[in-house]
Amino acid sequence: MDNIKNAVDKVLLIVTSTLFTLLILATTWQVISRYVLQNPSTVTEEFVRFGLIWLSMLAAAYAVGTKSHIAISLLSDRLTEAKRILLDIFIQCSFLLFAIIIMLYGGIRAVSLTMAQISPSLNLPMGFVYLALPVSGFLIIFYSVINVIALLKAKKIYS
């Protein structure tokens, strides 16, 4: 299971790093075309907007996988190790529930509703933009299940 998680981590790092680099280049071109050439590019503006959606959703999934998301540790710092693990299991199950209902189910519905809408500059179906929701939702589910399994193994040690 660790090999699969490591492979998914590497793919996500490569995809998000590449996307981030492309967004920097597109934004740089947008600034040059607008202020130097006096002819703003409409394609880059839309690409950056859609790319930021994908980047943020994929990065959020990666943060869940590496457990580097924002956490308020005021409560967990005061708990014993066994109770902290139970709290972490509850948090991961909350991620799982949110990802299944909102991101996966809601995202699939959003994709199906917007696939016929075409973006003005890139001429892409808007469903491809909304596809970031179910893709990242699936990744969050994957990571949350792995995290829960690891926490359950740790719970057995401290029980």
C-alpha atoms as a PDB file:
ATOM      1  CA  MET A   1       0.000   0.000   0.000  1.00  0.00           C
ATOM      2  CA  ASP A   2       2.890   2.353   0.740  1.00  0.00           C
ATOM      3  CA  ASN A   3       4.268   1.845  -2.781  1.00  0.00           C
ATOM      4  CA  ILE A   4       0.955   2.906  -4.321  1.00  0.00           C
ATOM      5  CA  LYS A   5       0.725   5.955  -2.048  1.00  0.00           C
ATOM      6  CA  ASN A   6       4.316   6.949  -2.886  1.00  0.00           C
ATOM      7  CA  ALA A   7       3.592   6.591  -6.617  1.00  0.00           C
ATOM      8  CA  VAL A   8       0.442   8.740  -6.336  1.00  0.00           C
ATOM      9  CA  ASP A   9       2.427  11.295  -4.298  1.00  0.00           C
ATOM     10  CA  LYS A  10       5.092  11.517  -7.010  1.00  0.00           C
ATOM     11  CA  VAL A  11       2.531  11.851  -9.805  1.00  0.00           C
ATOM     12  CA  LEU A  12       0.709  14.602  -7.898  1.00  0.00           C
ATOM     13  CA  LEU A  13       3.969  16.429  -7.231  1.00  0.00           C
ATOM     14  CA  ILE A  14       4.928  16.287 -10.904  1.00  0.00           C
ATOM     15  CA  VAL A  15       1.471  17.370 -12.099  1.00  0.00           C
ATOM     16  CA  THR A  16       1.127  20.232  -9.612  1.00  0.00           C
ATOM     17  CA  SER A  17       4.703  21.436 -10.174  1.00  0.00           C
ATOM     18  CA  THR A  18       4.231  21.395 -13.944  1.00  0.00           C
ATOM     19  CA  LEU A  19       0.885  23.168 -13.665  1.00  0.00           C
ATOM     20  CA  PHE A  20       2.366  25.765 -11.317  1.00  0.00           C
ATOM     21  CA  THR A  21       5.211  26.425 -13.774  1.00  0.00           C
ATOM     22  CA  LEU A  22       2.745  26.767 -16.661  1.00  0.00           C
ATOM     23  CA  LEU A  23       0.651  29.205 -14.630  1.00  0.00           C
ATOM     24  CA  ILE A  24       3.724  31.333 -13.902  1.00  0.00           C
ATOM     25  CA  LEU A  25       4.663  31.382 -17.584  1.00  0.00           C
ATOM     26  CA  ALA A  26       1.089  32.196 -18.656  1.00  0.00           C
ATOM     27  CA  THR A  27       0.808  34.995 -16.100  1.00  0.00           C
ATOM     28  CA  THR A  28       4.162  36.412 -17.190  1.00  0.00           C
ATOM     29  CA  TRP A  29       3.027  36.357 -20.817  1.00  0.00           C
ATOM     30  CA  GLN A  30      -0.261  38.011 -19.794  1.00  0.00           C
ATOM     31  CA  VAL A  31       1.606  40.879 -18.113  1.00  0.00           C
ATOM     32  CA  ILE A  32       4.004  41.295 -21.055  1.00  0.00           C
ATOM     33  CA  SER A  33       1.218  41.225 -23.637  1.00  0.00           C
ATOM     34  CA  ARG A  34      -0.911  43.672 -21.671  1.00  0.00           C
ATOM     35  CA  TYR A  35       1.642  46.276 -20.611  1.00  0.00           C
ATOM     36  CA  VAL A  36       4.488  45.935 -23.123  1.00  0.00           C
ATOM     37  CA  LEU A  37       2.679  44.901 -26.308  1.00  0.00           C
ATOM     38  CA  GLN A  38      -0.557  46.759 -25.432  1.00  0.00           C
ATOM     39  CA  ASN A  39      -2.538  43.731 -26.694  1.00  0.00           C
ATOM     40  CA  PRO A  40      -3.776  41.570 -23.762  1.00  0.00           C
ATOM     41  CA  SER A  41      -4.129  37.859 -24.327  1.00  0.00           C
ATOM     42  CA  THR A  42      -7.593  36.570 -23.398  1.00  0.00           C
ATOM     43  CA  VAL A  43      -6.557  32.923 -23.629  1.00  0.00           C
ATOM     44  CA  THR A  44      -3.937  33.162 -20.888  1.00  0.00           C
ATOM     45  CA  GLU A  45      -6.327  34.872 -18.484  1.00  0.00           C
ATOM     46  CA  GLU A  46      -8.850  32.049 -18.781  1.00  0.00           C
ATOM     47  CA  PHE A  47      -6.128  29.381 -18.670  1.00  0.00           C
ATOM     48  CA  VAL A  48      -4.734  30.828 -15.434  1.00  0.00           C
ATOM     49  CA  ARG A  49      -8.207  30.976 -13.867  1.00  0.00           C
ATOM     50  CA  PHE A  50      -8.963  27.347 -14.723  1.00  0.00           C
ATOM     51  CA  GLY A  51      -5.421  26.224 -13.879  1.00  0.00           C
ATOM     52  CA  LEU A  52      -5.656  27.750 -10.402  1.00  0.00           C
ATOM     53  CA  ILE A  53      -8.816  25.737  -9.767  1.00  0.00           C
ATOM     54  CA  TRP A  54      -7.084  22.502 -10.737  1.00  0.00           C
ATOM     55  CA  LEU A  55      -3.893  23.392  -8.865  1.00  0.00           C
ATOM     56  CA  SER A  56      -5.692  24.225  -5.629  1.00  0.00           C
ATOM     57  CA  MET A  57      -7.855  21.095  -5.727  1.00  0.00           C
ATOM     58  CA  LEU A  58      -4.933  18.760  -6.458  1.00  0.00           C
ATOM     59  CA  ALA A  59      -2.765  20.462  -3.844  1.00  0.00           C
ATOM     60  CA  ALA A  60      -5.550  20.074  -1.269  1.00  0.00           C
ATOM     61  CA  ALA A  61      -5.670  16.346  -1.974  1.00  0.00           C
ATOM     62  CA  TYR A  62      -1.895  16.127  -1.621  1.00  0.00           C
ATOM     63  CA  ALA A  63      -2.086  18.011   1.692  1.00  0.00           C
ATOM     64  CA  VAL A  64      -4.545  15.427   3.016  1.00  0.00           C
ATOM     65  CA  GLY A  65      -2.212  12.650   1.893  1.00  0.00           C
ATOM     66  CA  THR A  66       0.812  14.121   3.619  1.00  0.00           C
ATOM     67  CA  LYS A  67      -1.234  15.300   6.623  1.00  0.00           C
ATOM     68  CA  SER A  68       0.091  18.802   6.085  1.00  0.00           C
ATOM     69  CA  HIS A  69      -3.280  20.537   6.009  1.00  0.00           C
ATOM     70  CA  ILE A  70      -4.153  23.268   8.493  1.00  0.00           C
ATOM     71  CA  ALA A  71      -4.895  21.830  11.914  1.00  0.00           C
ATOM     72  CA  ILE A  72      -5.865  23.332  15.221  1.00  0.00           C
ATOM     73  CA  SER A  73      -3.945  21.228  17.703  1.00  0.00           C
ATOM     74  CA  LEU A  74      -5.166  22.855  20.926  1.00  0.00           C
ATOM     75  CA  LEU A  75      -7.322  19.836  21.781  1.00  0.00           C
ATOM     76  CA  SER A  76      -5.112  17.085  20.390  1.00  0.00           C
ATOM     77  CA  ASP A  77      -2.041  18.367  22.246  1.00  0.00           C
ATOM     78  CA  ARG A  78      -3.832  17.799  25.574  1.00  0.00           C
ATOM     79  CA  LEU A  79      -4.952  14.233  24.816  1.00  0.00           C
ATOM     80  CA  THR A  80      -3.204  10.959  25.526  1.00  0.00           C
ATOM     81  CA  GLU A  81      -1.728   9.157  22.525  1.00  0.00           C
ATOM     82  CA  ALA A  82      -4.624   6.670  22.294  1.00  0.00           C
ATOM     83  CA  LYS A  83      -7.264   9.435  22.453  1.00  0.00           C
ATOM     84  CA  ARG A  84      -5.328  11.562  19.957  1.00  0.00           C
ATOM     85  CA  ILE A  85      -5.405   8.657  17.516  1.00  0.00           C
ATOM     86  CA  LEU A  86      -9.191   8.356  17.978  1.00  0.00           C
ATOM     87  CA  LEU A  87      -9.533  12.085  17.273  1.00  0.00           C
ATOM     88  CA  ASP A  88      -7.370  11.731  14.156  1.00  0.00           C
ATOM     89  CA  ILE A  89      -9.531   8.809  12.968  1.00  0.00           C
ATOM     90  CA  PHE A  90     -12.643  10.987  13.445  1.00  0.00           C
ATOM     91  CA  ILE A  91     -11.014  13.817  11.458  1.00  0.00           C
ATOM     92  CA  GLN A  92     -10.021  11.471   8.609  1.00  0.00           C
ATOM     93  CA  CYS A  93     -13.546  10.006   8.539  1.00  0.00           C
ATOM     94  CA  SER A  94     -14.897  13.567   8.312  1.00  0.00           C
ATOM     95  CA  PHE A  95     -12.605  14.168   5.322  1.00  0.00           C
ATOM     96  CA  LEU A  96     -13.879  10.933   3.817  1.00  0.00           C
ATOM     97  CA  LEU A  97     -17.542  11.859   4.271  1.00  0.00           C
ATOM     98  CA  PHE A  98     -17.000  15.350   2.835  1.00  0.00           C
ATOM     99  CA  ALA A  99     -15.061  13.993  -0.141  1.00  0.00           C
ATOM    100  CA  ILE A 100     -17.682  11.352  -0.938  1.00  0.00           C
ATOM    101  CA  ILE A 101     -20.765  13.577  -0.638  1.00  0.00           C
ATOM    102  CA  ILE A 102     -19.593  17.004  -1.766  1.00  0.00           C
ATOM    103  CA  MET A 103     -16.584  16.433  -3.963  1.00  0.00           C
ATOM    104  CA  LEU A 104     -17.292  13.088  -5.625  1.00  0.00           C
ATOM    105  CA  TYR A 105     -21.097  13.029  -5.822  1.00  0.00           C
ATOM    106  CA  GLY A 106     -21.536  16.795  -6.177  1.00  0.00           C
ATOM    107  CA  GLY A 107     -18.573  17.074  -8.521  1.00  0.00           C
ATOM    108  CA  ILE A 108     -19.893  14.371 -10.847  1.00  0.00           C
ATOM    109  CA  ARG A 109     -23.262  16.152 -10.968  1.00  0.00           C
ATOM    110  CA  ALA A 110     -21.541  19.492 -11.686  1.00  0.00           C
ATOM    111  CA  VAL A 111     -19.492  17.935 -14.484  1.00  0.00           C
ATOM    112  CA  SER A 112     -22.572  16.393 -16.100  1.00  0.00           C
ATOM    113  CA  LEU A 113     -24.518  19.658 -15.859  1.00  0.00           C
ATOM    114  CA  THR A 114     -21.750  21.832 -17.335  1.00  0.00           C
ATOM    115  CA  MET A 115     -20.295  19.598 -20.045  1.00  0.00           C
ATOM    116  CA  ALA A 116     -22.449  21.331 -22.680  1.00  0.00           C
ATOM    117  CA  GLN A 117     -21.279  24.828 -21.659  1.00  0.00           C
ATOM    118  CA  ILE A 118     -18.258  26.071 -23.598  1.00  0.00           C
ATOM    119  CA  SER A 119     -15.703  28.504 -22.168  1.00  0.00           C
ATOM    120  CA  PRO A 120     -15.413  31.692 -24.235  1.00  0.00           C
ATOM    121  CA  SER A 121     -11.655  31.900 -24.872  1.00  0.00           C
ATOM    122  CA  LEU A 122     -10.350  28.335 -24.712  1.00  0.00           C
ATOM    123  CA  ASN A 123     -13.481  26.745 -26.224  1.00  0.00           C
ATOM    124  CA  LEU A 124     -13.323  23.951 -23.638  1.00  0.00           C
ATOM    125  CA  PRO A 125     -16.380  22.304 -22.135  1.00  0.00           C
ATOM    126  CA  MET A 126     -16.778  23.761 -18.637  1.00  0.00           C
ATOM    127  CA  GLY A 127     -17.234  20.217 -17.369  1.00  0.00           C
ATOM    128  CA  PHE A 128     -13.467  19.782 -17.720  1.00  0.00           C
ATOM    129  CA  VAL A 129     -12.954  22.634 -15.263  1.00  0.00           C
ATOM    130  CA  TYR A 130     -15.440  21.136 -12.792  1.00  0.00           C
ATOM    131  CA  LEU A 131     -13.779  17.728 -13.219  1.00  0.00           C
ATOM    132  CA  ALA A 132     -11.219  18.964 -10.678  1.00  0.00           C
ATOM    133  CA  LEU A 133     -13.804  18.316  -7.935  1.00  0.00           C
ATOM    134  CA  PRO A 134     -14.387  14.575  -8.427  1.00  0.00           C
ATOM    135  CA  VAL A 135     -10.727  13.914  -9.298  1.00  0.00           C
ATOM    136  CA  SER A 136      -9.472  15.580  -6.129  1.00  0.00           C
ATOM    137  CA  GLY A 137     -12.369  14.035  -4.190  1.00  0.00           C
ATOM    138  CA  PHE A 138     -11.277  10.580  -5.311  1.00  0.00           C
ATOM    139  CA  LEU A 139      -7.692  11.365  -4.279  1.00  0.00           C
ATOM    140  CA  ILE A 140      -8.825  12.626  -0.861  1.00  0.00           C
ATOM    141  CA  ILE A 141     -10.851   9.423  -0.387  1.00  0.00           C
ATOM    142  CA  PHE A 142      -7.792   7.371  -1.341  1.00  0.00           C
ATOM    143  CA  TYR A 143      -5.527   9.253   1.063  1.00  0.00           C
ATOM    144  CA  SER A 144      -8.077   9.277   3.906  1.00  0.00           C
ATOM    145  CA  VAL A 145      -8.563   5.511   3.693  1.00  0.00           C
ATOM    146  CA  ILE A 146      -4.784   5.005   3.829  1.00  0.00           C
ATOM    147  CA  ASN A 147      -4.532   7.414   6.774  1.00  0.00           C
ATOM    148  CA  VAL A 148      -7.326   5.631   8.675  1.00  0.00           C
ATOM    149  CA  ILE A 149      -5.660   2.251   8.116  1.00  0.00           C
ATOM    150  CA  ALA A 150      -2.359   3.633   9.450  1.00  0.00           C
ATOM    151  CA  LEU A 151      -4.123   5.148  12.470  1.00  0.00           C
ATOM    152  CA  LEU A 152      -5.917   1.881  13.229  1.00  0.00           C
ATOM    153  CA  LYS A 153      -2.580   0.065  13.151  1.00  0.00           C
ATOM    154  CA  ALA A 154      -1.133   2.691  15.516  1.00  0.00           C
ATOM    155  CA  LYS A 155      -4.163   2.349  17.811  1.00  0.00           C
ATOM    156  CA  LYS A 156      -3.460  -1.357  18.214  1.00  0.00           C
ATOM    157  CA  ILE A 157       0.042  -0.492  19.393  1.00  0.00           C
ATOM    158  CA  TYR A 158      -1.189   1.977  22.040  1.00  0.00           C
ATOM    159  CA  SER A 159      -4.185  -0.072  23.211  1.00  0.00           C
END
